[in-house]
N, C-alpha and C. Protein backbone atom coordinates (compact mmCIF):
# COMPACT_ATOMS: atom_id res chain seq x y z
N MET A 1 -1.74 -5.75 -27.05
CA MET A 1 -1.81 -4.84 -25.93
C MET A 1 -3.29 -4.57 -25.61
N LYS A 2 -3.61 -4.60 -24.33
CA LYS A 2 -4.98 -4.38 -23.89
C LYS A 2 -5.27 -2.88 -23.84
N ASP A 3 -6.45 -2.51 -24.31
CA ASP A 3 -6.88 -1.11 -24.24
C ASP A 3 -7.93 -0.99 -23.15
N TYR A 4 -7.49 -0.60 -21.95
CA TYR A 4 -8.39 -0.51 -20.81
C TYR A 4 -9.46 0.56 -21.00
N TYR A 5 -9.11 1.63 -21.71
CA TYR A 5 -10.10 2.68 -21.96
C TYR A 5 -11.22 2.14 -22.85
N LYS A 6 -10.85 1.37 -23.86
CA LYS A 6 -11.85 0.78 -24.75
C LYS A 6 -12.70 -0.24 -23.99
N THR A 7 -12.05 -1.02 -23.11
CA THR A 7 -12.78 -2.02 -22.32
C THR A 7 -13.90 -1.37 -21.52
N LEU A 8 -13.60 -0.20 -20.92
CA LEU A 8 -14.62 0.50 -20.12
C LEU A 8 -15.48 1.45 -20.96
N GLY A 9 -15.08 1.67 -22.21
CA GLY A 9 -15.85 2.56 -23.08
C GLY A 9 -15.74 4.02 -22.69
N ILE A 10 -14.53 4.45 -22.34
CA ILE A 10 -14.31 5.83 -21.91
C ILE A 10 -13.14 6.43 -22.67
N SER A 11 -13.03 7.76 -22.59
CA SER A 11 -11.92 8.44 -23.24
C SER A 11 -10.70 8.45 -22.31
N LYS A 12 -9.53 8.74 -22.88
CA LYS A 12 -8.29 8.73 -22.10
C LYS A 12 -8.23 9.85 -21.07
N ASP A 13 -9.08 10.87 -21.23
CA ASP A 13 -9.07 11.96 -20.25
C ASP A 13 -10.23 11.84 -19.25
N ALA A 14 -10.78 10.65 -19.13
CA ALA A 14 -11.91 10.41 -18.22
C ALA A 14 -11.49 10.68 -16.77
N THR A 15 -12.41 11.24 -16.01
CA THR A 15 -12.16 11.48 -14.58
C THR A 15 -12.36 10.19 -13.81
N ILE A 16 -11.94 10.19 -12.56
CA ILE A 16 -12.10 9.01 -11.72
C ILE A 16 -13.58 8.67 -11.54
N ASP A 17 -14.43 9.70 -11.45
CA ASP A 17 -15.87 9.46 -11.34
C ASP A 17 -16.44 8.83 -12.61
N GLU A 18 -15.96 9.27 -13.77
CA GLU A 18 -16.42 8.70 -15.04
C GLU A 18 -15.95 7.25 -15.19
N ILE A 19 -14.74 6.99 -14.70
CA ILE A 19 -14.21 5.62 -14.74
C ILE A 19 -15.07 4.71 -13.87
N LYS A 20 -15.36 5.18 -12.66
CA LYS A 20 -16.17 4.41 -11.73
C LYS A 20 -17.57 4.16 -12.29
N GLU A 21 -18.17 5.19 -12.84
CA GLU A 21 -19.52 5.08 -13.40
C GLU A 21 -19.55 4.10 -14.57
N ALA A 22 -18.53 4.19 -15.45
CA ALA A 22 -18.47 3.29 -16.61
C ALA A 22 -18.29 1.84 -16.14
N PHE A 23 -17.44 1.65 -15.14
CA PHE A 23 -17.22 0.30 -14.61
C PHE A 23 -18.52 -0.27 -14.04
N GLN A 24 -19.20 0.52 -13.24
CA GLN A 24 -20.44 0.04 -12.63
C GLN A 24 -21.49 -0.30 -13.68
N LYS A 25 -21.60 0.55 -14.67
CA LYS A 25 -22.58 0.34 -15.74
C LYS A 25 -22.26 -0.92 -16.54
N LYS A 26 -21.00 -1.05 -16.95
CA LYS A 26 -20.62 -2.22 -17.75
C LYS A 26 -20.66 -3.51 -16.94
N SER A 27 -20.29 -3.43 -15.65
CA SER A 27 -20.25 -4.65 -14.85
C SER A 27 -21.66 -5.18 -14.58
N ARG A 28 -22.66 -4.31 -14.60
CA ARG A 28 -24.04 -4.77 -14.44
C ARG A 28 -24.41 -5.72 -15.59
N HIS A 29 -23.94 -5.41 -16.77
CA HIS A 29 -24.27 -6.22 -17.95
C HIS A 29 -23.33 -7.40 -18.12
N GLN A 30 -22.09 -7.25 -17.67
CA GLN A 30 -21.08 -8.26 -17.90
C GLN A 30 -20.99 -9.30 -16.78
N HIS A 31 -21.66 -9.03 -15.66
CA HIS A 31 -21.58 -9.93 -14.52
C HIS A 31 -22.15 -11.29 -14.91
N PRO A 32 -21.45 -12.39 -14.54
CA PRO A 32 -21.92 -13.74 -14.91
C PRO A 32 -23.32 -14.07 -14.42
N ASP A 33 -23.73 -13.50 -13.29
CA ASP A 33 -25.08 -13.75 -12.77
C ASP A 33 -26.15 -13.07 -13.61
N ARG A 34 -25.73 -12.15 -14.47
CA ARG A 34 -26.69 -11.41 -15.31
C ARG A 34 -26.48 -11.68 -16.79
N GLY A 35 -25.90 -12.83 -17.10
CA GLY A 35 -25.75 -13.21 -18.50
C GLY A 35 -24.40 -12.90 -19.09
N GLY A 36 -23.52 -12.27 -18.33
CA GLY A 36 -22.17 -11.99 -18.82
C GLY A 36 -21.27 -13.19 -18.65
N THR A 37 -20.00 -12.98 -18.93
CA THR A 37 -19.04 -14.07 -18.82
C THR A 37 -18.00 -13.76 -17.74
N ASP A 38 -17.37 -14.81 -17.24
CA ASP A 38 -16.29 -14.63 -16.27
C ASP A 38 -15.13 -13.85 -16.89
N GLU A 39 -14.83 -14.17 -18.16
CA GLU A 39 -13.72 -13.50 -18.85
C GLU A 39 -14.03 -12.01 -19.04
N GLY A 40 -15.26 -11.71 -19.41
CA GLY A 40 -15.65 -10.31 -19.60
C GLY A 40 -15.58 -9.52 -18.30
N MET A 41 -16.03 -10.15 -17.23
CA MET A 41 -15.99 -9.50 -15.91
C MET A 41 -14.55 -9.32 -15.45
N ALA A 42 -13.71 -10.31 -15.70
CA ALA A 42 -12.29 -10.23 -15.32
C ALA A 42 -11.61 -9.09 -16.08
N ALA A 43 -11.96 -8.92 -17.36
CA ALA A 43 -11.38 -7.84 -18.17
C ALA A 43 -11.80 -6.48 -17.61
N LEU A 44 -13.07 -6.36 -17.23
CA LEU A 44 -13.54 -5.11 -16.63
C LEU A 44 -12.83 -4.83 -15.31
N ASN A 45 -12.71 -5.85 -14.47
CA ASN A 45 -12.04 -5.67 -13.18
C ASN A 45 -10.59 -5.25 -13.36
N GLU A 46 -9.91 -5.87 -14.32
CA GLU A 46 -8.51 -5.53 -14.58
C GLU A 46 -8.39 -4.08 -15.06
N ALA A 47 -9.24 -3.69 -16.00
CA ALA A 47 -9.20 -2.32 -16.51
C ALA A 47 -9.49 -1.32 -15.40
N TYR A 48 -10.50 -1.62 -14.60
CA TYR A 48 -10.88 -0.70 -13.51
C TYR A 48 -9.78 -0.60 -12.46
N SER A 49 -9.17 -1.73 -12.12
CA SER A 49 -8.13 -1.70 -11.08
C SER A 49 -6.93 -0.87 -11.53
N VAL A 50 -6.64 -0.84 -12.80
CA VAL A 50 -5.53 -0.03 -13.30
C VAL A 50 -5.92 1.44 -13.42
N LEU A 51 -7.06 1.71 -14.01
CA LEU A 51 -7.43 3.10 -14.29
C LEU A 51 -7.88 3.88 -13.06
N LYS A 52 -8.35 3.20 -12.01
CA LYS A 52 -8.78 3.92 -10.81
C LYS A 52 -7.59 4.32 -9.94
N ASP A 53 -6.45 3.67 -10.12
CA ASP A 53 -5.24 3.94 -9.35
C ASP A 53 -4.36 4.91 -10.15
N SER A 54 -4.17 6.12 -9.64
CA SER A 54 -3.47 7.15 -10.41
C SER A 54 -2.05 6.73 -10.79
N THR A 55 -1.36 6.01 -9.93
CA THR A 55 0.01 5.58 -10.23
C THR A 55 0.01 4.55 -11.35
N LYS A 56 -0.87 3.54 -11.24
CA LYS A 56 -0.94 2.51 -12.29
C LYS A 56 -1.42 3.12 -13.61
N ARG A 57 -2.36 4.04 -13.51
CA ARG A 57 -2.89 4.66 -14.72
C ARG A 57 -1.80 5.45 -15.44
N ALA A 58 -1.00 6.20 -14.68
CA ALA A 58 0.08 6.97 -15.29
C ALA A 58 1.09 6.04 -15.97
N GLU A 59 1.40 4.92 -15.32
CA GLU A 59 2.33 3.94 -15.91
C GLU A 59 1.73 3.35 -17.18
N TYR A 60 0.43 3.01 -17.11
CA TYR A 60 -0.24 2.44 -18.28
C TYR A 60 -0.26 3.44 -19.43
N ASP A 61 -0.58 4.69 -19.14
CA ASP A 61 -0.62 5.72 -20.18
C ASP A 61 0.75 5.94 -20.80
N LYS A 62 1.79 5.82 -19.98
CA LYS A 62 3.16 6.06 -20.45
C LYS A 62 3.71 4.88 -21.23
N THR A 63 3.47 3.66 -20.74
CA THR A 63 4.12 2.48 -21.32
C THR A 63 3.17 1.55 -22.07
N GLY A 64 1.88 1.72 -21.85
CA GLY A 64 0.92 0.82 -22.49
C GLY A 64 0.74 -0.50 -21.76
N GLY A 65 1.32 -0.59 -20.57
CA GLY A 65 1.21 -1.81 -19.78
C GLY A 65 1.47 -1.53 -18.32
N ILE A 66 1.39 -2.56 -17.53
CA ILE A 66 1.61 -2.48 -16.09
C ILE A 66 2.61 -3.56 -15.71
N LYS A 67 3.55 -3.20 -14.84
CA LYS A 67 4.50 -4.19 -14.34
C LYS A 67 3.74 -5.25 -13.56
N LYS A 68 4.22 -6.47 -13.67
CA LYS A 68 3.60 -7.54 -12.88
C LYS A 68 3.90 -7.30 -11.42
N GLU A 69 2.92 -7.59 -10.61
CA GLU A 69 3.08 -7.45 -9.16
C GLU A 69 4.13 -8.42 -8.66
N GLN A 70 4.97 -7.94 -7.76
CA GLN A 70 5.95 -8.81 -7.12
C GLN A 70 5.24 -9.69 -6.09
N THR A 71 5.80 -10.86 -5.86
CA THR A 71 5.28 -11.70 -4.80
C THR A 71 5.67 -11.09 -3.47
N PHE A 72 5.03 -11.54 -2.41
CA PHE A 72 5.35 -11.04 -1.07
C PHE A 72 6.83 -11.28 -0.76
N GLU A 73 7.33 -12.45 -1.09
CA GLU A 73 8.73 -12.79 -0.83
C GLU A 73 9.67 -11.86 -1.59
N GLN A 74 9.33 -11.53 -2.83
CA GLN A 74 10.16 -10.61 -3.62
C GLN A 74 10.16 -9.21 -3.00
N LYS A 75 9.00 -8.79 -2.50
CA LYS A 75 8.92 -7.47 -1.86
C LYS A 75 9.74 -7.45 -0.58
N VAL A 76 9.67 -8.53 0.20
CA VAL A 76 10.45 -8.62 1.44
C VAL A 76 11.93 -8.54 1.11
N ARG A 77 12.35 -9.31 0.13
CA ARG A 77 13.77 -9.33 -0.25
C ARG A 77 14.24 -7.95 -0.70
N ALA A 78 13.47 -7.30 -1.55
CA ALA A 78 13.85 -5.97 -2.05
C ALA A 78 13.94 -4.97 -0.90
N GLU A 79 12.97 -5.01 -0.01
CA GLU A 79 12.97 -4.07 1.13
C GLU A 79 14.11 -4.39 2.09
N PHE A 80 14.42 -5.68 2.26
CA PHE A 80 15.53 -6.10 3.11
C PHE A 80 16.84 -5.55 2.54
N PHE A 81 17.03 -5.66 1.22
CA PHE A 81 18.23 -5.12 0.58
C PHE A 81 18.31 -3.61 0.77
N ASN A 82 17.19 -2.92 0.63
CA ASN A 82 17.17 -1.46 0.85
C ASN A 82 17.56 -1.13 2.29
N LEU A 83 17.06 -1.91 3.22
CA LEU A 83 17.37 -1.71 4.64
C LEU A 83 18.87 -1.85 4.88
N ILE A 84 19.46 -2.90 4.35
CA ILE A 84 20.90 -3.13 4.52
C ILE A 84 21.69 -1.99 3.87
N GLY A 85 21.27 -1.57 2.70
CA GLY A 85 21.94 -0.45 2.01
C GLY A 85 21.92 0.82 2.84
N ALA A 86 20.77 1.11 3.45
CA ALA A 86 20.67 2.30 4.31
C ALA A 86 21.53 2.15 5.55
N ALA A 87 21.55 0.96 6.12
CA ALA A 87 22.33 0.72 7.34
C ALA A 87 23.83 0.82 7.08
N LEU A 88 24.27 0.46 5.89
CA LEU A 88 25.70 0.54 5.55
C LEU A 88 26.24 1.97 5.61
N LYS A 89 25.37 2.94 5.49
CA LYS A 89 25.78 4.35 5.53
C LYS A 89 26.04 4.84 6.95
N GLU A 90 25.65 4.02 7.93
CA GLU A 90 25.77 4.40 9.35
C GLU A 90 26.99 3.75 9.98
N GLN A 91 27.43 4.31 11.08
CA GLN A 91 28.54 3.74 11.85
C GLN A 91 27.99 2.82 12.92
N GLY A 92 28.66 1.71 13.17
CA GLY A 92 28.26 0.81 14.24
C GLY A 92 27.96 -0.58 13.74
N ASP A 93 27.40 -1.39 14.62
CA ASP A 93 27.06 -2.78 14.32
C ASP A 93 25.94 -2.80 13.29
N LEU A 94 26.27 -3.33 12.13
CA LEU A 94 25.32 -3.35 11.00
C LEU A 94 24.00 -4.02 11.36
N LEU A 95 24.06 -5.13 12.05
CA LEU A 95 22.85 -5.86 12.42
C LEU A 95 21.99 -5.05 13.39
N GLN A 96 22.63 -4.43 14.37
CA GLN A 96 21.89 -3.61 15.34
C GLN A 96 21.25 -2.40 14.65
N ILE A 97 21.95 -1.83 13.71
CA ILE A 97 21.40 -0.68 12.97
C ILE A 97 20.17 -1.12 12.17
N CYS A 98 20.28 -2.27 11.51
CA CYS A 98 19.12 -2.80 10.75
C CYS A 98 17.94 -3.03 11.67
N ARG A 99 18.21 -3.65 12.83
CA ARG A 99 17.12 -3.90 13.79
C ARG A 99 16.50 -2.61 14.28
N SER A 100 17.32 -1.64 14.55
CA SER A 100 16.82 -0.34 15.00
C SER A 100 15.97 0.33 13.93
N PHE A 101 16.47 0.33 12.69
CA PHE A 101 15.74 0.93 11.57
C PHE A 101 14.37 0.28 11.40
N ILE A 102 14.35 -1.07 11.41
CA ILE A 102 13.08 -1.76 11.13
C ILE A 102 12.10 -1.58 12.28
N THR A 103 12.61 -1.57 13.52
CA THR A 103 11.73 -1.35 14.68
C THR A 103 11.11 0.04 14.62
N ASP A 104 11.93 1.04 14.31
CA ASP A 104 11.43 2.41 14.18
C ASP A 104 10.42 2.52 13.04
N SER A 105 10.71 1.84 11.94
CA SER A 105 9.82 1.87 10.79
C SER A 105 8.46 1.26 11.13
N ILE A 106 8.47 0.13 11.83
CA ILE A 106 7.22 -0.52 12.22
C ILE A 106 6.40 0.39 13.12
N LYS A 107 7.05 1.02 14.09
CA LYS A 107 6.34 1.95 15.00
C LYS A 107 5.73 3.11 14.22
N LYS A 108 6.49 3.67 13.28
CA LYS A 108 6.01 4.82 12.51
C LYS A 108 4.81 4.43 11.64
N VAL A 109 4.89 3.29 10.98
CA VAL A 109 3.80 2.86 10.10
C VAL A 109 2.53 2.59 10.91
N LYS A 110 2.68 1.95 12.07
CA LYS A 110 1.52 1.71 12.93
C LYS A 110 0.88 3.02 13.36
N MET A 111 1.70 4.01 13.69
CA MET A 111 1.17 5.32 14.08
C MET A 111 0.48 6.00 12.90
N ASP A 112 1.08 5.91 11.73
CA ASP A 112 0.47 6.49 10.52
C ASP A 112 -0.90 5.86 10.25
N ILE A 113 -0.99 4.54 10.36
CA ILE A 113 -2.27 3.85 10.13
C ILE A 113 -3.30 4.32 11.16
N TYR A 114 -2.89 4.38 12.41
CA TYR A 114 -3.80 4.84 13.48
C TYR A 114 -4.30 6.26 13.17
N ASN A 115 -3.39 7.15 12.78
CA ASN A 115 -3.77 8.54 12.47
C ASN A 115 -4.74 8.61 11.29
N MET A 116 -4.48 7.83 10.25
CA MET A 116 -5.37 7.84 9.09
C MET A 116 -6.75 7.29 9.44
N GLU A 117 -6.79 6.24 10.26
CA GLU A 117 -8.08 5.70 10.70
C GLU A 117 -8.85 6.73 11.52
N SER A 118 -8.14 7.49 12.35
CA SER A 118 -8.79 8.55 13.14
C SER A 118 -9.33 9.64 12.22
N GLN A 119 -8.55 9.99 11.19
CA GLN A 119 -9.01 11.02 10.25
C GLN A 119 -10.24 10.54 9.49
N ILE A 120 -10.28 9.27 9.13
CA ILE A 120 -11.46 8.73 8.44
C ILE A 120 -12.68 8.83 9.35
N SER A 121 -12.53 8.50 10.61
CA SER A 121 -13.65 8.60 11.55
C SER A 121 -14.16 10.04 11.64
N GLU A 122 -13.23 10.99 11.71
CA GLU A 122 -13.62 12.41 11.75
C GLU A 122 -14.32 12.83 10.47
N LEU A 123 -13.83 12.36 9.33
CA LEU A 123 -14.46 12.70 8.05
C LEU A 123 -15.87 12.14 7.96
N LYS A 124 -16.07 10.95 8.48
CA LYS A 124 -17.40 10.34 8.45
C LYS A 124 -18.39 11.13 9.32
N VAL A 125 -17.92 11.63 10.44
CA VAL A 125 -18.77 12.45 11.30
C VAL A 125 -19.14 13.74 10.57
N LYS A 126 -18.15 14.38 9.95
CA LYS A 126 -18.42 15.61 9.20
C LYS A 126 -19.39 15.36 8.05
N ARG A 127 -19.21 14.23 7.37
CA ARG A 127 -20.08 13.89 6.25
C ARG A 127 -21.52 13.73 6.72
N ALA A 128 -21.71 13.06 7.84
CA ALA A 128 -23.05 12.81 8.36
C ALA A 128 -23.76 14.11 8.75
N ARG A 129 -23.02 15.13 9.07
CA ARG A 129 -23.61 16.40 9.51
C ARG A 129 -24.07 17.28 8.35
N ILE A 130 -23.63 16.99 7.13
CA ILE A 130 -23.96 17.83 5.98
C ILE A 130 -25.12 17.21 5.21
N LYS A 131 -26.20 17.95 5.15
CA LYS A 131 -27.38 17.53 4.39
C LYS A 131 -27.55 18.47 3.19
N SER A 132 -28.20 17.97 2.15
CA SER A 132 -28.42 18.80 0.96
C SER A 132 -29.79 18.52 0.37
N GLU A 133 -30.37 19.56 -0.17
CA GLU A 133 -31.64 19.40 -0.86
C GLU A 133 -31.40 18.98 -2.31
N TYR A 134 -30.18 19.10 -2.76
CA TYR A 134 -29.83 18.73 -4.13
C TYR A 134 -29.53 17.23 -4.20
N GLU A 135 -29.73 16.67 -5.39
CA GLU A 135 -29.47 15.25 -5.59
C GLU A 135 -27.99 14.94 -5.36
N GLU A 136 -27.12 15.81 -5.86
CA GLU A 136 -25.68 15.61 -5.67
C GLU A 136 -25.21 16.47 -4.51
N ASN A 137 -24.64 15.85 -3.52
CA ASN A 137 -24.11 16.58 -2.37
C ASN A 137 -22.61 16.71 -2.58
N TYR A 138 -22.16 17.91 -2.94
CA TYR A 138 -20.75 18.14 -3.24
C TYR A 138 -19.86 17.88 -2.04
N PHE A 139 -20.36 18.20 -0.86
CA PHE A 139 -19.59 17.94 0.35
C PHE A 139 -19.33 16.43 0.49
N HIS A 140 -20.37 15.65 0.28
CA HIS A 140 -20.24 14.19 0.37
C HIS A 140 -19.25 13.67 -0.67
N MET A 141 -19.32 14.22 -1.87
CA MET A 141 -18.43 13.77 -2.94
C MET A 141 -16.96 14.02 -2.58
N VAL A 142 -16.68 15.20 -2.08
CA VAL A 142 -15.29 15.54 -1.72
C VAL A 142 -14.84 14.71 -0.53
N ILE A 143 -15.68 14.61 0.49
CA ILE A 143 -15.32 13.83 1.68
C ILE A 143 -15.12 12.36 1.31
N ASP A 144 -15.99 11.82 0.46
CA ASP A 144 -15.83 10.43 0.02
C ASP A 144 -14.50 10.22 -0.71
N ASP A 145 -14.11 11.21 -1.49
CA ASP A 145 -12.83 11.12 -2.19
C ASP A 145 -11.66 11.10 -1.19
N TYR A 146 -11.73 11.96 -0.19
CA TYR A 146 -10.69 11.99 0.85
C TYR A 146 -10.65 10.65 1.60
N ILE A 147 -11.81 10.13 1.93
CA ILE A 147 -11.87 8.84 2.64
C ILE A 147 -11.26 7.74 1.77
N SER A 148 -11.60 7.75 0.48
CA SER A 148 -11.06 6.75 -0.44
C SER A 148 -9.54 6.82 -0.51
N LYS A 149 -9.00 8.03 -0.56
CA LYS A 149 -7.53 8.20 -0.61
C LYS A 149 -6.90 7.70 0.68
N HIS A 150 -7.53 7.98 1.81
CA HIS A 150 -7.01 7.49 3.10
C HIS A 150 -7.05 5.97 3.15
N LEU A 151 -8.13 5.37 2.66
CA LEU A 151 -8.23 3.91 2.66
C LEU A 151 -7.16 3.28 1.78
N ASP A 152 -6.89 3.91 0.62
CA ASP A 152 -5.82 3.42 -0.25
C ASP A 152 -4.47 3.50 0.46
N ALA A 153 -4.24 4.62 1.16
CA ALA A 153 -2.97 4.80 1.89
C ALA A 153 -2.85 3.77 3.02
N ILE A 154 -3.96 3.49 3.69
CA ILE A 154 -3.94 2.49 4.77
C ILE A 154 -3.62 1.10 4.19
N THR A 155 -4.19 0.79 3.04
CA THR A 155 -3.92 -0.50 2.40
C THR A 155 -2.43 -0.63 2.09
N LYS A 156 -1.84 0.42 1.52
CA LYS A 156 -0.41 0.39 1.19
C LYS A 156 0.44 0.31 2.46
N ALA A 157 0.06 1.06 3.47
CA ALA A 157 0.82 1.05 4.73
C ALA A 157 0.73 -0.31 5.40
N THR A 158 -0.44 -0.93 5.35
CA THR A 158 -0.62 -2.26 5.94
C THR A 158 0.22 -3.30 5.22
N GLU A 159 0.30 -3.18 3.90
CA GLU A 159 1.14 -4.10 3.13
C GLU A 159 2.60 -3.91 3.52
N TYR A 160 3.04 -2.65 3.63
CA TYR A 160 4.43 -2.40 4.03
C TYR A 160 4.68 -2.93 5.45
N LEU A 161 3.70 -2.75 6.33
CA LEU A 161 3.85 -3.22 7.71
C LEU A 161 4.09 -4.73 7.75
N LYS A 162 3.35 -5.48 6.94
CA LYS A 162 3.55 -6.93 6.88
C LYS A 162 4.96 -7.27 6.41
N ILE A 163 5.44 -6.52 5.43
CA ILE A 163 6.80 -6.73 4.92
C ILE A 163 7.82 -6.41 6.01
N ALA A 164 7.65 -5.29 6.68
CA ALA A 164 8.58 -4.88 7.74
C ALA A 164 8.58 -5.89 8.89
N GLU A 165 7.41 -6.38 9.24
CA GLU A 165 7.33 -7.37 10.33
C GLU A 165 8.01 -8.68 9.93
N GLU A 166 7.91 -9.05 8.66
CA GLU A 166 8.61 -10.25 8.18
C GLU A 166 10.12 -10.04 8.22
N ILE A 167 10.59 -8.86 7.84
CA ILE A 167 12.02 -8.56 7.92
C ILE A 167 12.48 -8.61 9.37
N ASP A 168 11.69 -8.03 10.26
CA ASP A 168 12.02 -8.04 11.68
C ASP A 168 12.16 -9.49 12.17
N LEU A 169 11.26 -10.35 11.75
CA LEU A 169 11.31 -11.75 12.12
C LEU A 169 12.57 -12.42 11.55
N GLN A 170 12.86 -12.14 10.28
CA GLN A 170 14.04 -12.74 9.66
C GLN A 170 15.34 -12.25 10.31
N LEU A 171 15.35 -11.02 10.79
CA LEU A 171 16.54 -10.49 11.45
C LEU A 171 16.92 -11.29 12.70
N THR A 172 15.95 -11.96 13.31
CA THR A 172 16.26 -12.76 14.50
C THR A 172 17.11 -13.98 14.16
N GLU A 173 17.18 -14.32 12.88
CA GLU A 173 17.97 -15.46 12.44
C GLU A 173 19.43 -15.09 12.18
N TYR A 174 19.78 -13.83 12.36
CA TYR A 174 21.14 -13.36 12.11
C TYR A 174 21.81 -12.98 13.43
N SER A 175 23.13 -13.10 13.44
CA SER A 175 23.91 -12.61 14.58
C SER A 175 25.21 -12.02 14.03
N SER A 176 25.81 -11.14 14.81
CA SER A 176 27.07 -10.55 14.39
C SER A 176 28.13 -10.81 15.44
N GLU A 177 29.38 -10.77 15.05
CA GLU A 177 30.47 -10.98 16.00
C GLU A 177 30.45 -9.92 17.10
N GLU A 178 30.14 -8.68 16.71
CA GLU A 178 30.07 -7.61 17.71
C GLU A 178 29.00 -7.91 18.75
N GLU A 179 27.86 -8.37 18.28
CA GLU A 179 26.75 -8.69 19.16
C GLU A 179 27.11 -9.86 20.09
N LEU A 180 27.77 -10.88 19.53
CA LEU A 180 28.18 -12.03 20.34
C LEU A 180 29.22 -11.62 21.38
N ALA A 181 30.13 -10.72 21.01
CA ALA A 181 31.15 -10.26 21.95
C ALA A 181 30.51 -9.50 23.10
N LEU A 182 29.51 -8.67 22.81
CA LEU A 182 28.82 -7.93 23.86
C LEU A 182 28.07 -8.87 24.79
N THR A 183 27.43 -9.88 24.22
CA THR A 183 26.70 -10.86 25.04
C THR A 183 27.67 -11.62 25.93
N TYR A 184 28.80 -12.06 25.38
CA TYR A 184 29.81 -12.78 26.15
C TYR A 184 30.31 -11.89 27.29
N ASN A 185 30.56 -10.64 26.98
CA ASN A 185 31.06 -9.70 27.97
C ASN A 185 30.07 -9.54 29.13
N LYS A 186 28.80 -9.44 28.81
CA LYS A 186 27.78 -9.28 29.85
C LYS A 186 27.65 -10.52 30.72
N ILE A 187 27.74 -11.68 30.08
CA ILE A 187 27.56 -12.94 30.83
C ILE A 187 28.78 -13.25 31.70
N TYR A 188 29.97 -13.13 31.13
CA TYR A 188 31.15 -13.62 31.82
C TYR A 188 31.93 -12.56 32.60
N THR A 189 31.70 -11.30 32.32
CA THR A 189 32.43 -10.27 33.07
C THR A 189 31.50 -9.36 33.85
N GLY A 190 30.24 -9.67 33.83
CA GLY A 190 29.29 -8.83 34.56
C GLY A 190 29.03 -7.50 33.89
N GLY A 191 29.34 -7.40 32.59
CA GLY A 191 29.04 -6.20 31.83
C GLY A 191 30.14 -5.17 31.87
N THR A 192 31.26 -5.44 32.52
CA THR A 192 32.36 -4.46 32.55
C THR A 192 33.28 -4.69 31.38
N THR A 193 33.90 -3.66 30.95
CA THR A 193 34.86 -3.79 29.86
C THR A 193 36.26 -3.67 30.40
N ALA A 194 37.22 -4.26 29.71
CA ALA A 194 38.60 -4.27 30.19
C ALA A 194 39.29 -2.97 29.89
């Protein structure tokens, strides 16, 4: 079992700033361009990527490991199954419900990303307005933390958006009898029902 805390030379109760500082300090020495090794740098990157992410860190602290990342296809499949499960709880054409859910989801995620990007822009303006005579600017530190959290959320939202768009694309390969009957009705009866 890998000990990420030992790799970075920090205690288990280290703050995110201490983790970042330890990573930067160790990576200066371990970088292959400065006499380090690729393996050593990879170990530092792996430790840092787990410990800087609060969710991964909590899992690591609890289990001593991290689940392997799913492939994009596995994530699409899992999300597709969740979509179908949610649609089964609704009344109506299952395929149309799935299409409606995924379309709404894509719109919402795009709006969330836009809002977070706007908030980051506002935070950067606020940050630029605050000057300090002290070496450490507490305002900058807090604002930088907020920006970092927003960027992480945007990354996750963008990944979900790609998954949702792939599901939306795959949904075009499906048809339902209800949908075919409605199409037939519109074409051959002028849209009137008997």
